[in-house]
Amino acid sequence: MNQPDEVRRKELYDADARLSWVLAALAGLIGASAFTHTAGYFVTFMTGNTERAVLGYFRDESDVAVAAALLLVAFLSGVVVSSLCRRYLWSRHPHGPTLLTTACLATASLIDLAMYEITSSTRIEFVPILFVAFGVGVLNTSFVKDGEVSVPLSYVTGTLVKMGQGIERHISGGTYADWLGYFLLYAAFALGALLGGLLSLVVAGWAMLITATAVCLIVTVYTYFHLDIHGPLTEE
């Protein structure tokens, strides 16, 4: 066994890996919260939103195309704003993105409650979902190394590609450490989506964002204590 293999195996279960599972599960839960009680908006699936933004016009669904494009802008804005905050305000503070995501979800919840009082509709409207998409973009900047995102929490396609490549390396003489980390990250996201789906069965639409906000706040506290115990996630 060589030293790099030993290091990779330790990193599979270290504190940062465990935190990435928690945040990936949070991203999955937020995505499910937004999807289950809306007209089917994606706040984590930017590939799908890109295709909707382009192809909606080919199906005479211009409203769907515009909504998808706005979600893309909101998500990208979250990444940009959070990256600026990391550079100038949150240096070496991993709880910054989750704190801002919590604030975004809380704002979305307040807007949704106000709209519920007006319309009495149990469906989450589009405007709050823009704040949710912004918050998910922020959340994806939680792990940064050398100025680049090192763990894209909601980028499931990329995670699966890397897992597939790792499986090939394992087959070709590598170890389970080549792919297990990506599998655990993917499984955490899927588990979060499952929990969000189960919550949607027992929580009314108007309360779904409030529930997601509460969960996000708990995770924010977890990341805060992670900093105190383990130090910064990565070096900028």
Protein backbone atom coordinates (compact mmCIF):
# COMPACT_ATOMS: atom_id res chain seq x y z
CA MET A 1 0.00 0.00 0.00
CA ASN A 2 1.49 3.32 -0.95
CA GLN A 3 1.21 6.55 0.96
CA PRO A 4 -1.23 8.29 -1.45
CA ASP A 5 -3.67 5.38 -1.04
CA GLU A 6 -3.45 5.66 2.74
CA VAL A 7 -4.12 9.39 2.58
CA ARG A 8 -7.12 8.95 0.26
CA ARG A 9 -8.64 6.32 2.53
CA LYS A 10 -8.32 8.57 5.56
CA GLU A 11 -9.87 11.46 3.64
CA LEU A 12 -12.94 9.33 2.82
CA TYR A 13 -14.20 9.65 6.38
CA ASP A 14 -12.48 12.73 7.76
CA ALA A 15 -14.30 15.72 9.23
CA ASP A 16 -14.49 17.62 5.94
CA ALA A 17 -15.87 14.56 4.14
CA ARG A 18 -18.57 14.16 6.77
CA LEU A 19 -19.45 17.83 6.46
CA SER A 20 -19.70 17.49 2.66
CA TRP A 21 -22.23 14.65 3.14
CA VAL A 22 -24.31 16.84 5.45
CA LEU A 23 -24.26 19.77 3.02
CA ALA A 24 -25.01 17.55 0.01
CA ALA A 25 -27.98 16.09 1.88
CA LEU A 26 -29.09 19.65 2.68
CA ALA A 27 -28.88 20.57 -1.02
CA GLY A 28 -30.98 17.52 -1.90
CA LEU A 29 -33.57 18.38 0.73
CA ILE A 30 -33.81 22.01 -0.41
CA GLY A 31 -34.18 20.86 -4.01
CA ALA A 32 -36.96 18.48 -3.05
CA SER A 33 -38.69 21.18 -0.99
CA ALA A 34 -38.71 23.49 -3.98
CA PHE A 35 -39.78 20.82 -6.47
CA THR A 36 -42.57 19.01 -4.63
CA HIS A 37 -44.79 21.98 -3.83
CA THR A 38 -44.27 24.07 -6.97
CA ALA A 39 -44.99 23.73 -10.66
CA GLY A 40 -41.82 21.62 -10.87
CA TYR A 41 -39.04 24.17 -10.59
CA PHE A 42 -35.43 22.97 -10.34
CA VAL A 43 -33.14 24.84 -7.93
CA THR A 44 -30.28 22.31 -8.07
CA PHE A 45 -30.51 21.01 -11.65
CA MET A 46 -29.01 23.77 -13.79
CA THR A 47 -28.53 21.42 -16.75
CA GLY A 48 -32.28 20.90 -16.84
CA ASN A 49 -32.94 24.61 -16.45
CA THR A 50 -30.61 25.38 -19.34
CA GLU A 51 -32.47 22.96 -21.61
CA ARG A 52 -35.82 24.33 -20.46
CA ALA A 53 -34.64 27.89 -21.11
CA VAL A 54 -33.68 26.96 -24.67
CA LEU A 55 -36.27 24.34 -25.60
CA GLY A 56 -39.30 25.94 -23.96
CA TYR A 57 -39.77 28.16 -27.00
CA PHE A 58 -39.87 25.13 -29.29
CA ARG A 59 -42.88 23.79 -27.36
CA ASP A 60 -44.74 27.12 -27.12
CA GLU A 61 -43.90 27.26 -23.41
CA SER A 62 -42.24 30.64 -23.26
CA ASP A 63 -43.25 31.06 -19.60
CA VAL A 64 -41.34 27.88 -18.73
CA ALA A 65 -38.31 29.11 -20.67
CA VAL A 66 -38.31 32.48 -18.92
CA ALA A 67 -38.71 30.87 -15.49
CA ALA A 68 -35.82 28.51 -16.15
CA ALA A 69 -33.61 31.36 -17.34
CA LEU A 70 -34.40 33.39 -14.21
CA LEU A 71 -33.55 30.40 -12.02
CA LEU A 72 -30.21 30.13 -13.82
CA VAL A 73 -29.51 33.81 -13.18
CA ALA A 74 -30.49 33.48 -9.51
CA PHE A 75 -28.26 30.41 -9.02
CA LEU A 76 -25.29 32.04 -10.77
CA SER A 77 -25.81 35.24 -8.77
CA GLY A 78 -25.66 33.21 -5.57
CA VAL A 79 -22.33 31.72 -6.62
CA VAL A 80 -20.89 35.13 -7.53
CA VAL A 81 -22.11 36.90 -4.38
CA SER A 82 -20.96 34.09 -2.11
CA SER A 83 -17.56 33.96 -3.81
CA LEU A 84 -17.14 37.70 -3.25
CA CYS A 85 -18.13 37.26 0.39
CA ARG A 86 -15.64 34.41 0.77
CA ARG A 87 -12.88 36.57 -0.63
CA TYR A 88 -13.57 39.70 1.39
CA LEU A 89 -15.74 38.75 4.39
CA TRP A 90 -15.63 35.01 5.09
CA SER A 91 -11.96 34.22 4.81
CA ARG A 92 -11.39 30.80 6.40
CA HIS A 93 -14.99 30.60 7.66
CA PRO A 94 -16.87 27.55 6.30
CA HIS A 95 -20.15 28.50 7.97
CA GLY A 96 -20.53 31.66 5.87
CA PRO A 97 -22.27 30.05 2.86
CA THR A 98 -24.70 28.04 4.99
CA LEU A 99 -25.55 31.15 7.00
CA LEU A 100 -26.36 33.10 3.83
CA THR A 101 -28.32 30.12 2.47
CA THR A 102 -30.34 30.09 5.69
CA ALA A 103 -31.04 33.81 5.26
CA CYS A 104 -32.17 33.20 1.67
CA LEU A 105 -34.51 30.40 2.74
CA ALA A 106 -35.90 32.53 5.57
CA THR A 107 -36.58 35.35 3.09
CA ALA A 108 -38.24 32.91 0.71
CA SER A 109 -40.38 31.60 3.58
CA LEU A 110 -41.53 35.08 4.55
CA ILE A 111 -42.43 35.94 0.96
CA ASP A 112 -44.25 32.62 0.58
CA LEU A 113 -46.22 33.21 3.79
CA ALA A 114 -47.21 36.69 2.62
CA MET A 115 -48.39 35.29 -0.71
CA TYR A 116 -50.25 32.49 1.08
CA GLU A 117 -52.15 35.06 3.14
CA ILE A 118 -53.19 36.78 -0.08
CA THR A 119 -53.97 33.80 -2.31
CA SER A 120 -54.53 30.92 0.18
CA SER A 121 -52.70 28.73 -2.32
CA THR A 122 -50.76 25.81 -0.84
CA ARG A 123 -48.38 25.81 -3.80
CA ILE A 124 -45.09 27.66 -3.41
CA GLU A 125 -45.02 30.48 -5.94
CA PHE A 126 -42.14 31.35 -8.25
CA VAL A 127 -40.73 34.45 -6.54
CA PRO A 128 -39.73 32.64 -3.32
CA ILE A 129 -38.12 29.91 -5.43
CA LEU A 130 -35.75 32.49 -6.94
CA PHE A 131 -34.39 33.15 -3.45
CA VAL A 132 -34.06 29.40 -2.90
CA ALA A 133 -32.08 29.01 -6.14
CA PHE A 134 -29.85 31.89 -5.07
CA GLY A 135 -29.29 30.12 -1.74
CA VAL A 136 -28.38 26.84 -3.42
CA GLY A 137 -25.84 28.67 -5.56
CA VAL A 138 -24.36 30.08 -2.37
CA LEU A 139 -24.27 26.64 -0.74
CA ASN A 140 -22.21 25.24 -3.61
CA THR A 141 -19.31 27.51 -2.65
CA SER A 142 -18.88 25.85 0.74
CA PHE A 143 -15.74 23.97 -0.33
CA VAL A 144 -13.18 26.07 -2.17
CA LYS A 145 -9.53 25.34 -2.92
CA ASP A 146 -7.22 27.63 -4.89
CA GLY A 147 -10.18 29.83 -5.76
CA GLU A 148 -12.20 26.98 -7.31
CA VAL A 149 -15.05 24.91 -5.91
CA SER A 150 -13.55 21.58 -4.85
CA VAL A 151 -16.79 19.81 -3.83
CA PRO A 152 -19.79 20.83 -5.99
CA LEU A 153 -22.58 19.77 -3.66
CA SER A 154 -25.51 19.71 -6.08
CA TYR A 155 -23.61 18.89 -9.29
CA VAL A 156 -24.73 15.26 -9.37
CA THR A 157 -23.81 14.69 -13.03
CA GLY A 158 -20.18 15.55 -12.38
CA THR A 159 -20.14 13.43 -9.23
CA LEU A 160 -21.41 10.41 -11.15
CA VAL A 161 -18.84 10.92 -13.91
CA LYS A 162 -16.04 11.04 -11.36
CA MET A 163 -17.46 8.00 -9.59
CA GLY A 164 -17.54 6.10 -12.87
CA GLN A 165 -13.93 7.01 -13.57
CA GLY A 166 -13.01 5.90 -10.07
CA ILE A 167 -14.71 2.55 -10.59
CA GLU A 168 -12.66 2.08 -13.75
CA ARG A 169 -9.45 2.85 -11.84
CA HIS A 170 -10.45 0.34 -9.16
CA ILE A 171 -11.08 -2.32 -11.81
CA SER A 172 -7.73 -1.50 -13.39
CA GLY A 173 -5.76 -2.07 -10.21
CA GLY A 174 -6.73 0.81 -7.92
CA THR A 175 -8.65 0.71 -4.65
CA TYR A 176 -12.19 1.42 -3.47
CA ALA A 177 -10.91 4.85 -2.36
CA ASP A 178 -10.91 5.86 -6.04
CA TRP A 179 -14.72 5.95 -6.15
CA LEU A 180 -16.24 5.53 -2.67
CA GLY A 181 -15.96 9.20 -1.75
CA TYR A 182 -18.00 10.23 -4.81
CA PHE A 183 -20.54 7.50 -4.09
CA LEU A 184 -21.00 8.70 -0.51
CA LEU A 185 -21.45 12.29 -1.71
CA TYR A 186 -24.01 11.16 -4.28
CA ALA A 187 -25.80 8.96 -1.72
CA ALA A 188 -25.99 11.89 0.71
CA PHE A 189 -27.61 14.10 -1.93
CA ALA A 190 -30.09 11.35 -2.84
CA LEU A 191 -30.88 10.78 0.84
CA GLY A 192 -31.55 14.49 1.29
CA ALA A 193 -33.91 14.44 -1.69
CA LEU A 194 -35.67 11.40 -0.23
CA LEU A 195 -36.08 13.10 3.14
CA GLY A 196 -37.42 16.18 1.39
CA GLY A 197 -39.89 14.04 -0.52
CA LEU A 198 -41.05 12.33 2.68
CA LEU A 199 -41.41 15.70 4.39
CA SER A 200 -43.58 16.91 1.52
CA LEU A 201 -46.06 14.13 2.36
CA VAL A 202 -46.61 15.40 5.90
CA VAL A 203 -45.82 19.12 5.66
CA ALA A 204 -48.16 21.53 3.91
CA GLY A 205 -46.82 23.53 1.01
CA TRP A 206 -46.82 26.83 2.87
CA ALA A 207 -44.73 25.27 5.67
CA MET A 208 -42.25 23.41 3.46
CA LEU A 209 -39.83 26.30 3.09
CA ILE A 210 -40.04 27.02 6.81
CA THR A 211 -39.06 23.43 7.50
CA ALA A 212 -36.16 23.65 5.04
CA THR A 213 -35.05 26.90 6.72
CA ALA A 214 -35.05 25.23 10.13
CA VAL A 215 -32.98 22.32 8.83
CA CYS A 216 -30.55 24.72 7.15
CA LEU A 217 -30.17 26.66 10.40
CA ILE A 218 -29.27 23.44 12.23
CA VAL A 219 -26.68 22.65 9.56
CA THR A 220 -25.29 26.18 9.86
CA VAL A 221 -24.74 25.64 13.57
CA TYR A 222 -23.02 22.34 12.73
CA THR A 223 -20.65 24.04 10.27
CA TYR A 224 -19.93 26.76 12.82
CA PHE A 225 -18.77 24.23 15.39
CA HIS A 226 -16.89 22.37 12.64
CA LEU A 227 -14.76 25.49 12.23
CA ASP A 228 -14.10 25.72 15.96
CA ILE A 229 -13.07 22.05 16.21
CA HIS A 230 -11.37 21.29 12.91
CA GLY A 231 -10.34 24.65 11.52
CA PRO A 232 -10.96 25.95 7.98
CA LEU A 233 -12.12 23.54 5.29
CA THR A 234 -9.45 24.44 2.77
CA GLU A 235 -6.79 26.99 2.14
CA GLU A 236 -7.78 29.73 -0.29
